[in-house]
């Protein structure tokens, strides 16, 4: 594990330099637009993915910089976002930055840091949608050799995990066993399908020490299945391709920020303290994102630390566009609905769909052939108390659910006129 960087400049100094030098922010600072805030960000409006795309890459290149020259000198890599709700946006990532910032985040978890220190050449298996893996993106199915980069083997065969055949899953198991991983890096939806196949086949991974879930929201159902099948801790790692890894779950279950990667703000907080996350990155010098509305909701709290100090923690609540309105005006988040499924045995995945204003159906996939009706009934009763729907919530057992274009799944599907 590489140690976290010792900054020569404070975060404010870094941000001030970006405001002065980066064309996007030089222009934005002249126009202003922020109603609140202080420091170097106070003069800047909030930005989103559309601002990244507009006039790219000239909106980020400094005076005298040429993209062709930066790429030729291996100073930057051109990547792209997965695009859950928007079209993909191209990105400029400092060469080698992705691996460095991931190590900074992983080091926040003592167990993960110790395992990787003891296993510097640890093999990793990645299980996610091939449409949103930052290292390998493809539409067909390349060979295992082509899906192996350094110490990582990518098992992603399809962005339709519930449609994977037994042959597909057998191939994934064989490739994983051959790689003999120390940890899994996973999209939790895809990983649970793989896990249940391993359980049926009684497959064990002797070196496996922990599992990282990322890429999208981790349901209590996914965490339960992964821990049951593989018998190792499951830790959540939150971020995005454009910002890097922002928040990491520690061994005590608390999620804390990776301070070298970004400065985090929370805006538009509701009565419960849940608000929109705003990110200002500090470590990707070629494409800093300032006052970036990432589109997710978090709950920020200051709690007592292990050494009597005060620690800022974050609870993830899912994507802002996926919130459901309650009759009394409350904002119901993905986390709110997912908590209704705590202890719901026999269930693999679900989607709460508002088919018309106030009318809901829960489409669910069971772990096996049996239908967990009793568990679903308990979850639906909790959902009804939470949502207060106009009509009783309907339930429907289905064989599969389809992802978004990026390969990610939506848990709350609000009504769209």
Protein backbone atom coordinates (compact mmCIF):
# COMPACT_ATOMS: atom_id res chain seq x y z
CA UNK A 1 0.00 0.00 0.00
CA UNK A 2 1.33 3.44 -0.88
CA UNK A 3 1.06 6.04 1.85
CA UNK A 4 -1.19 9.03 1.50
CA UNK A 5 0.50 12.06 0.00
CA UNK A 6 1.92 14.85 2.10
CA UNK A 7 0.45 17.95 0.49
CA UNK A 8 2.85 20.81 -0.22
CA UNK A 9 -0.17 23.08 -0.43
CA UNK A 10 -3.28 23.24 1.69
CA UNK A 11 -6.64 22.27 0.11
CA UNK A 12 -7.57 25.96 -0.10
CA UNK A 13 -4.35 26.76 -1.95
CA UNK A 14 -4.93 23.91 -4.39
CA UNK A 15 -8.50 25.04 -5.04
CA UNK A 16 -7.43 28.68 -5.49
CA UNK A 17 -4.91 27.59 -8.13
CA UNK A 18 -7.57 25.66 -10.02
CA UNK A 19 -9.90 28.66 -9.97
CA UNK A 20 -7.13 30.84 -11.43
CA UNK A 21 -5.79 28.44 -14.05
CA UNK A 22 -8.59 26.19 -15.36
CA UNK A 23 -10.66 27.83 -18.15
CA UNK A 24 -13.96 26.41 -16.89
CA UNK A 25 -13.54 28.07 -13.51
CA UNK A 26 -11.94 31.29 -14.72
CA UNK A 27 -15.10 31.89 -16.73
CA UNK A 28 -17.44 30.68 -13.98
CA UNK A 29 -15.80 32.86 -11.32
CA UNK A 30 -16.57 35.96 -13.37
CA UNK A 31 -20.26 35.06 -13.44
CA UNK A 32 -20.52 33.92 -9.82
CA UNK A 33 -23.74 32.19 -8.86
CA UNK A 34 -23.24 30.57 -5.46
CA UNK A 35 -25.58 31.85 -2.82
CA UNK A 36 -23.66 30.31 0.08
CA UNK A 37 -20.19 29.16 0.97
CA UNK A 38 -16.83 30.71 1.71
CA UNK A 39 -13.22 30.39 0.66
CA UNK A 40 -11.97 29.77 -2.89
CA UNK A 41 -15.20 28.02 -3.93
CA UNK A 42 -17.53 30.84 -2.91
CA UNK A 43 -17.30 32.59 -6.28
CA UNK A 44 -18.11 29.47 -8.31
CA UNK A 45 -21.51 28.09 -9.33
CA UNK A 46 -22.25 24.40 -8.97
CA UNK A 47 -21.43 22.24 -11.98
CA UNK A 48 -22.64 18.86 -13.22
CA UNK A 49 -21.77 16.33 -15.91
CA UNK A 50 -22.98 18.61 -18.70
CA UNK A 51 -20.33 21.16 -17.71
CA UNK A 52 -17.67 18.47 -18.06
CA UNK A 53 -18.87 17.71 -21.59
CA UNK A 54 -19.20 21.30 -22.79
CA UNK A 55 -16.16 22.33 -24.88
CA UNK A 56 -14.17 19.32 -23.63
CA UNK A 57 -11.16 19.17 -23.32
CA UNK A 58 -10.55 22.90 -23.79
CA UNK A 59 -12.60 23.65 -20.68
CA UNK A 60 -9.86 21.97 -18.62
CA UNK A 61 -6.61 22.42 -20.57
CA UNK A 62 -4.43 25.25 -19.25
CA UNK A 63 -2.67 27.79 -21.42
CA UNK A 64 -0.09 26.05 -23.59
CA UNK A 65 -1.37 22.54 -22.91
CA UNK A 66 -2.17 20.15 -25.78
CA UNK A 67 -4.18 16.97 -25.23
CA UNK A 68 -2.22 15.07 -27.90
CA UNK A 69 1.04 16.04 -26.25
CA UNK A 70 -0.17 15.13 -22.75
CA UNK A 71 -1.31 11.70 -23.96
CA UNK A 72 1.89 11.12 -25.95
CA UNK A 73 3.98 11.89 -22.85
CA UNK A 74 1.76 9.56 -20.75
CA UNK A 75 0.79 12.39 -18.44
CA UNK A 76 -2.96 11.80 -18.87
CA UNK A 77 -5.34 9.02 -19.79
CA UNK A 78 -8.64 9.70 -21.54
CA UNK A 79 -11.47 7.75 -19.89
CA UNK A 80 -15.24 8.16 -19.67
CA UNK A 81 -18.03 8.01 -17.13
CA UNK A 82 -20.50 5.14 -17.03
CA UNK A 83 -23.47 7.46 -17.48
CA UNK A 84 -26.30 6.15 -15.32
CA UNK A 85 -28.65 8.98 -16.22
CA UNK A 86 -26.71 11.06 -18.74
CA UNK A 87 -24.73 10.24 -21.84
CA UNK A 88 -21.14 9.37 -21.14
CA UNK A 89 -18.68 12.17 -20.54
CA UNK A 90 -15.02 11.98 -21.53
CA UNK A 91 -12.49 12.52 -18.74
CA UNK A 92 -8.85 13.51 -18.35
CA UNK A 93 -7.25 11.40 -15.63
CA UNK A 94 -3.69 11.97 -14.51
CA UNK A 95 -1.62 8.97 -15.55
CA UNK A 96 -1.57 6.39 -12.75
CA UNK A 97 -3.94 8.50 -10.65
CA UNK A 98 -6.72 5.92 -10.48
CA UNK A 99 -4.57 3.30 -8.76
CA UNK A 100 -3.02 5.85 -6.38
CA UNK A 101 -6.26 7.37 -5.19
CA UNK A 102 -7.82 3.92 -4.75
CA UNK A 103 -4.94 2.93 -2.47
CA UNK A 104 -5.48 6.06 -0.37
CA UNK A 105 -9.13 5.11 0.13
CA UNK A 106 -8.43 1.44 0.87
CA UNK A 107 -5.84 2.43 3.49
CA UNK A 108 -8.64 3.96 5.59
CA UNK A 109 -9.78 0.42 6.46
CA UNK A 110 -7.32 -1.20 8.89
CA UNK A 111 -8.18 -4.77 7.87
CA UNK A 112 -7.87 -4.08 4.15
CA UNK A 113 -4.63 -2.16 4.66
CA UNK A 114 -3.11 -4.99 6.70
CA UNK A 115 -4.11 -7.69 4.19
CA UNK A 116 -2.65 -5.73 1.28
CA UNK A 117 0.52 -4.98 3.25
CA UNK A 118 0.99 -8.69 3.89
CA UNK A 119 0.09 -9.53 0.27
CA UNK A 120 1.70 -6.84 -1.93
CA UNK A 121 1.06 -8.94 -5.05
CA UNK A 122 -2.52 -9.79 -4.08
CA UNK A 123 -4.69 -10.93 -6.95
CA UNK A 124 -8.05 -9.23 -7.31
CA UNK A 125 -11.15 -10.41 -9.14
CA UNK A 126 -13.48 -7.70 -10.45
CA UNK A 127 -17.16 -8.52 -11.03
CA UNK A 128 -19.18 -5.65 -12.52
CA UNK A 129 -20.93 -4.51 -15.65
CA UNK A 130 -18.55 -4.44 -18.63
CA UNK A 131 -20.14 -1.08 -19.47
CA UNK A 132 -18.92 0.67 -16.32
CA UNK A 133 -15.59 -0.87 -15.42
CA UNK A 134 -12.94 1.83 -15.51
CA UNK A 135 -10.18 -0.44 -16.78
CA UNK A 136 -11.90 -2.61 -19.38
CA UNK A 137 -15.03 -1.73 -21.34
CA UNK A 138 -16.38 -4.03 -24.03
CA UNK A 139 -19.51 -5.23 -25.79
CA UNK A 140 -18.39 -8.74 -26.72
CA UNK A 141 -16.58 -11.22 -24.50
CA UNK A 142 -12.78 -11.03 -24.76
CA UNK A 143 -10.64 -13.92 -23.57
CA UNK A 144 -9.64 -14.18 -19.91
CA UNK A 145 -6.13 -13.14 -20.91
CA UNK A 146 -7.43 -9.89 -22.41
CA UNK A 147 -9.55 -9.33 -19.30
CA UNK A 148 -6.51 -9.63 -17.04
CA UNK A 149 -4.58 -6.45 -16.31
CA UNK A 150 -1.65 -6.70 -13.95
CA UNK A 151 -2.97 -8.18 -10.69
CA UNK A 152 -6.64 -7.82 -11.70
CA UNK A 153 -8.84 -10.28 -13.55
CA UNK A 154 -12.20 -8.94 -14.73
CA UNK A 155 -15.00 -11.53 -14.82
CA UNK A 156 -17.64 -9.24 -16.34
CA UNK A 157 -19.31 -11.13 -19.19
CA UNK A 158 -22.62 -9.30 -19.53
CA UNK A 159 -24.52 -6.28 -18.23
CA UNK A 160 -27.53 -8.54 -17.71
CA UNK A 161 -26.51 -10.53 -14.61
CA UNK A 162 -29.87 -12.24 -14.11
CA UNK A 163 -29.67 -13.64 -17.64
CA UNK A 164 -26.26 -15.25 -17.21
CA UNK A 165 -26.47 -18.93 -18.13
CA UNK A 166 -25.06 -21.79 -16.09
CA UNK A 167 -22.30 -22.05 -18.70
CA UNK A 168 -21.47 -18.36 -18.24
CA UNK A 169 -21.34 -18.68 -14.47
CA UNK A 170 -19.27 -21.87 -14.65
CA UNK A 171 -16.78 -19.96 -16.81
CA UNK A 172 -16.64 -17.11 -14.30
CA UNK A 173 -16.03 -19.55 -11.44
CA UNK A 174 -13.27 -21.36 -13.34
CA UNK A 175 -11.54 -18.09 -14.23
CA UNK A 176 -11.78 -16.87 -10.64
CA UNK A 177 -10.43 -20.11 -9.16
CA UNK A 178 -7.56 -20.05 -11.64
CA UNK A 179 -6.69 -16.50 -10.53
CA UNK A 180 -6.85 -17.41 -6.80
CA UNK A 181 -7.83 -13.93 -5.54
CA UNK A 182 -7.16 -12.32 -2.17
CA UNK A 183 -10.13 -10.00 -2.61
CA UNK A 184 -13.13 -9.31 -4.81
CA UNK A 185 -13.88 -5.84 -6.22
CA UNK A 186 -17.56 -5.94 -7.10
CA UNK A 187 -20.75 -4.38 -8.25
CA UNK A 188 -22.97 -5.97 -5.57
CA UNK A 189 -25.81 -6.95 -7.93
CA UNK A 190 -23.51 -8.89 -10.24
CA UNK A 191 -21.55 -10.32 -7.32
CA UNK A 192 -24.62 -11.82 -5.62
CA UNK A 193 -25.58 -13.72 -8.78
CA UNK A 194 -22.03 -15.09 -8.89
CA UNK A 195 -22.11 -15.84 -5.15
CA UNK A 196 -25.29 -17.89 -5.32
CA UNK A 197 -23.80 -19.96 -8.14
CA UNK A 198 -20.69 -20.55 -6.01
CA UNK A 199 -22.95 -21.61 -3.14
CA UNK A 200 -24.81 -24.11 -5.32
CA UNK A 201 -21.51 -25.52 -6.61
CA UNK A 202 -19.88 -25.45 -3.13
CA UNK A 203 -16.99 -23.35 -4.48
CA UNK A 204 -14.46 -21.94 -1.99
CA UNK A 205 -11.69 -19.39 -2.49
CA UNK A 206 -8.94 -20.28 -0.01
CA UNK A 207 -7.05 -16.96 -0.12
CA UNK A 208 -10.10 -14.66 -0.07
CA UNK A 209 -9.88 -12.13 2.80
CA UNK A 210 -12.46 -9.42 2.02
CA UNK A 211 -14.89 -8.10 -0.57
CA UNK A 212 -15.23 -4.51 -1.75
CA UNK A 213 -18.61 -3.36 -3.08
CA UNK A 214 -18.68 -0.31 -5.30
CA UNK A 215 -20.10 0.88 -8.66
CA UNK A 216 -23.65 1.26 -7.27
CA UNK A 217 -25.76 1.13 -4.10
CA UNK A 218 -25.17 -1.94 -1.93
CA UNK A 219 -28.46 -3.38 -0.66
CA UNK A 220 -28.76 -5.12 2.70
CA UNK A 221 -29.78 -8.16 0.63
CA UNK A 222 -26.52 -8.12 -1.35
CA UNK A 223 -24.35 -7.71 1.76
CA UNK A 224 -26.13 -10.57 3.54
CA UNK A 225 -25.69 -12.96 0.62
CA UNK A 226 -22.02 -12.11 0.03
CA UNK A 227 -21.12 -12.50 3.71
CA UNK A 228 -23.04 -15.78 3.98
CA UNK A 229 -21.56 -17.37 0.88
CA UNK A 230 -17.93 -16.27 1.15
CA UNK A 231 -17.55 -15.87 4.92
CA UNK A 232 -15.40 -12.71 4.72
CA UNK A 233 -16.11 -9.05 5.55
CA UNK A 234 -17.83 -6.91 2.93
CA UNK A 235 -16.78 -3.25 2.83
CA UNK A 236 -18.37 -0.46 0.83
CA UNK A 237 -16.23 1.92 -1.24
CA UNK A 238 -17.97 4.97 -2.72
CA UNK A 239 -16.95 7.29 -5.53
CA UNK A 240 -17.13 7.75 -9.28
CA UNK A 241 -14.87 7.55 -12.30
CA UNK A 242 -14.71 11.32 -12.60
CA UNK A 243 -13.99 12.06 -8.92
CA UNK A 244 -12.16 8.98 -7.72
CA UNK A 245 -12.96 7.09 -4.52
CA UNK A 246 -14.38 9.52 -2.00
CA UNK A 247 -15.62 7.52 1.01
CA UNK A 248 -14.50 4.17 2.46
CA UNK A 249 -16.11 1.90 5.02
CA UNK A 250 -13.89 1.09 8.01
CA UNK A 251 -13.86 -2.12 10.03
CA UNK A 252 -16.28 -0.54 12.53
CA UNK A 253 -18.85 0.04 9.78
CA UNK A 254 -18.39 3.81 9.72
CA UNK A 255 -17.76 5.45 6.34
CA UNK A 256 -15.14 8.20 6.24
CA UNK A 257 -13.82 10.52 3.55
CA UNK A 258 -10.53 10.08 1.70
CA UNK A 259 -9.29 13.60 2.37
CA UNK A 260 -6.42 13.68 -0.16
CA UNK A 261 -8.87 12.97 -3.01
CA UNK A 262 -11.52 15.64 -2.51
CA UNK A 263 -13.19 18.27 -0.37
CA UNK A 264 -16.81 17.31 0.34
CA UNK A 265 -19.83 19.51 1.02
CA UNK A 266 -23.47 18.62 1.69
CA UNK A 267 -26.16 21.01 0.45
CA UNK A 268 -29.97 21.18 0.55
CA UNK A 269 -30.16 19.13 3.73
CA UNK A 270 -33.60 18.04 4.87
CA UNK A 271 -34.86 17.84 8.44
CA UNK A 272 -32.97 14.55 8.95
CA UNK A 273 -29.68 16.03 7.77
CA UNK A 274 -29.70 14.21 4.42
CA UNK A 275 -28.51 16.33 1.52
CA UNK A 276 -26.84 16.38 -1.88
CA UNK A 277 -23.14 15.65 -2.02
CA UNK A 278 -20.96 18.29 -3.69
CA UNK A 279 -17.38 17.34 -4.55
CA UNK A 280 -14.27 19.43 -5.21
CA UNK A 281 -11.40 17.19 -6.23
CA UNK A 282 -7.83 17.82 -5.08
CA UNK A 283 -5.66 15.12 -6.63
CA UNK A 284 -6.35 14.93 -10.39
CA UNK A 285 -4.49 18.02 -11.52
CA UNK A 286 -5.45 17.76 -15.20
CA UNK A 287 -9.21 17.71 -14.65
CA UNK A 288 -10.18 19.11 -11.26
CA UNK A 289 -13.90 19.21 -10.58
CA UNK A 290 -15.00 22.07 -8.33
CA UNK A 291 -18.44 22.38 -6.76
CA UNK A 292 -19.43 19.23 -8.67
CA UNK A 293 -22.95 17.95 -7.93
CA UNK A 294 -22.34 14.23 -8.15
CA UNK A 295 -26.04 13.36 -7.93
CA UNK A 296 -26.03 11.31 -4.72
CA UNK A 297 -27.51 11.85 -1.28
CA UNK A 298 -25.56 11.44 1.96
CA UNK A 299 -26.11 11.96 5.67
CA UNK A 300 -23.12 13.55 7.36
CA UNK A 301 -22.53 13.18 11.09
CA UNK A 302 -19.74 14.02 13.54
CA UNK A 303 -19.23 11.16 16.00
CA UNK A 304 -16.73 10.13 18.67
CA UNK A 305 -13.68 8.39 17.22
CA UNK A 306 -11.75 5.40 18.54
CA UNK A 307 -9.24 7.66 20.30
CA UNK A 308 -11.74 10.10 21.78
CA UNK A 309 -11.42 12.45 18.83
CA UNK A 310 -14.25 13.67 16.61
CA UNK A 311 -14.75 11.92 13.28
CA UNK A 312 -16.92 12.98 10.34
CA UNK A 313 -18.85 10.00 8.98
CA UNK A 314 -21.13 9.58 5.97
CA UNK A 315 -24.17 7.40 5.37
CA UNK A 316 -25.01 6.78 1.72
CA UNK A 317 -28.64 7.23 0.71
CA UNK A 318 -28.49 6.55 -3.03
CA UNK A 319 -29.09 8.72 -6.06
CA UNK A 320 -31.06 11.95 -5.71
CA UNK A 321 -33.22 11.27 -8.83
CA UNK A 322 -34.40 7.99 -7.26
CA UNK A 323 -36.08 9.55 -4.23
CA UNK A 324 -39.80 9.02 -3.75
CA UNK A 325 -42.14 11.72 -2.43
CA UNK A 326 -44.21 10.89 0.65
CA UNK A 327 -47.69 12.45 1.02
CA UNK A 328 -46.38 14.67 3.83
CA UNK A 329 -43.51 15.96 1.68
CA UNK A 330 -40.76 13.79 3.15
CA UNK A 331 -37.97 12.65 0.84
CA UNK A 332 -37.80 8.84 0.78
CA UNK A 333 -34.35 7.69 -0.29
CA UNK A 334 -33.02 4.41 -1.64
CA UNK A 335 -31.58 3.67 1.79
CA UNK A 336 -34.95 4.32 3.44
CA UNK A 337 -36.69 1.73 1.29
CA UNK A 338 -33.79 -0.71 1.43
CA UNK A 339 -33.88 -0.75 5.24
CA UNK A 340 -37.36 -2.26 4.95
CA UNK A 341 -35.68 -5.40 3.58
CA UNK A 342 -33.42 -6.00 6.59
CA UNK A 343 -33.81 -9.65 7.56
CA UNK A 344 -35.70 -10.48 4.36
CA UNK A 345 -34.42 -14.02 3.76
CA UNK A 346 -34.65 -15.73 0.39
CA UNK A 347 -34.61 -12.53 -1.64
CA UNK A 348 -31.90 -11.69 -4.17
CA UNK A 349 -32.93 -8.32 -5.62
CA UNK A 350 -35.92 -6.00 -5.99
CA UNK A 351 -37.24 -2.82 -7.55
CA UNK A 352 -39.88 -0.54 -6.03
CA UNK A 353 -41.72 0.95 -8.99
CA UNK A 354 -44.20 3.82 -8.69
CA UNK A 355 -46.43 2.97 -11.65
CA UNK A 356 -48.68 6.01 -11.18
CA UNK A 357 -48.79 8.70 -8.49
CA UNK A 358 -49.19 6.93 -5.15
CA UNK A 359 -49.38 3.42 -6.62
CA UNK A 360 -46.46 1.02 -6.20
CA UNK A 361 -45.40 -2.47 -7.17
CA UNK A 362 -42.42 -4.40 -5.78
CA UNK A 363 -40.85 -6.59 -8.46
CA UNK A 364 -38.53 -9.08 -6.79
CA UNK A 365 -36.19 -11.94 -7.63
CA UNK A 366 -35.84 -14.85 -5.22
CA UNK A 367 -32.58 -16.58 -4.38
CA UNK A 368 -33.77 -19.92 -5.71
CA UNK A 369 -36.87 -21.75 -6.83
CA UNK A 370 -38.92 -21.09 -3.68
CA UNK A 371 -40.97 -17.93 -3.36
CA UNK A 372 -40.22 -16.04 -0.10
CA UNK A 373 -43.78 -14.71 0.23
CA UNK A 374 -43.72 -14.38 4.01
CA UNK A 375 -40.50 -12.34 3.97
CA UNK A 376 -41.84 -10.13 1.17
CA UNK A 377 -45.05 -9.54 3.12
CA UNK A 378 -43.07 -8.24 6.11
CA UNK A 379 -40.98 -5.95 3.88
CA UNK A 380 -44.07 -4.62 2.10
CA UNK A 381 -45.75 -3.84 5.43
CA UNK A 382 -42.71 -1.75 6.39
CA UNK A 383 -42.74 -0.06 2.98
CA UNK A 384 -46.40 0.83 3.36
CA UNK A 385 -45.74 2.47 6.73
CA UNK A 386 -42.86 4.42 5.18
CA UNK A 387 -44.47 5.48 1.91
CA UNK A 388 -48.15 5.70 2.89
CA UNK A 389 -49.30 4.79 -0.63
CA UNK A 390 -52.74 5.57 -2.01
CA UNK A 391 -53.35 1.88 -2.72
CA UNK A 392 -51.94 -1.37 -1.26
CA UNK A 393 -48.48 -2.14 -2.61
CA UNK A 394 -48.57 -4.89 -5.21
CA UNK A 395 -45.88 -7.59 -5.32
CA UNK A 396 -44.71 -9.50 -8.35
CA UNK A 397 -42.08 -12.21 -8.49
CA UNK A 398 -39.99 -11.95 -11.67
CA UNK A 399 -37.10 -13.93 -13.14
CA UNK A 400 -34.99 -10.89 -14.03
CA UNK A 401 -34.79 -7.10 -13.91
CA UNK A 402 -33.01 -5.00 -16.51
CA UNK A 403 -30.31 -2.43 -15.71
CA UNK A 404 -29.81 1.06 -17.02
CA UNK A 405 -27.60 1.55 -20.07
CA UNK A 406 -24.55 1.71 -17.82
CA UNK A 407 -25.30 -1.70 -16.36
CA UNK A 408 -26.36 -0.25 -13.00
CA UNK A 409 -29.70 -0.95 -11.35
CA UNK A 410 -32.32 1.41 -9.93
CA UNK A 411 -33.98 0.34 -6.67
CA UNK A 412 -36.54 3.13 -6.39
CA UNK A 413 -38.24 3.86 -9.69
CA UNK A 414 -40.33 7.04 -9.23
CA UNK A 415 -43.28 7.77 -11.48
CA UNK A 416 -42.41 9.80 -14.54
CA UNK A 417 -45.28 11.50 -16.35
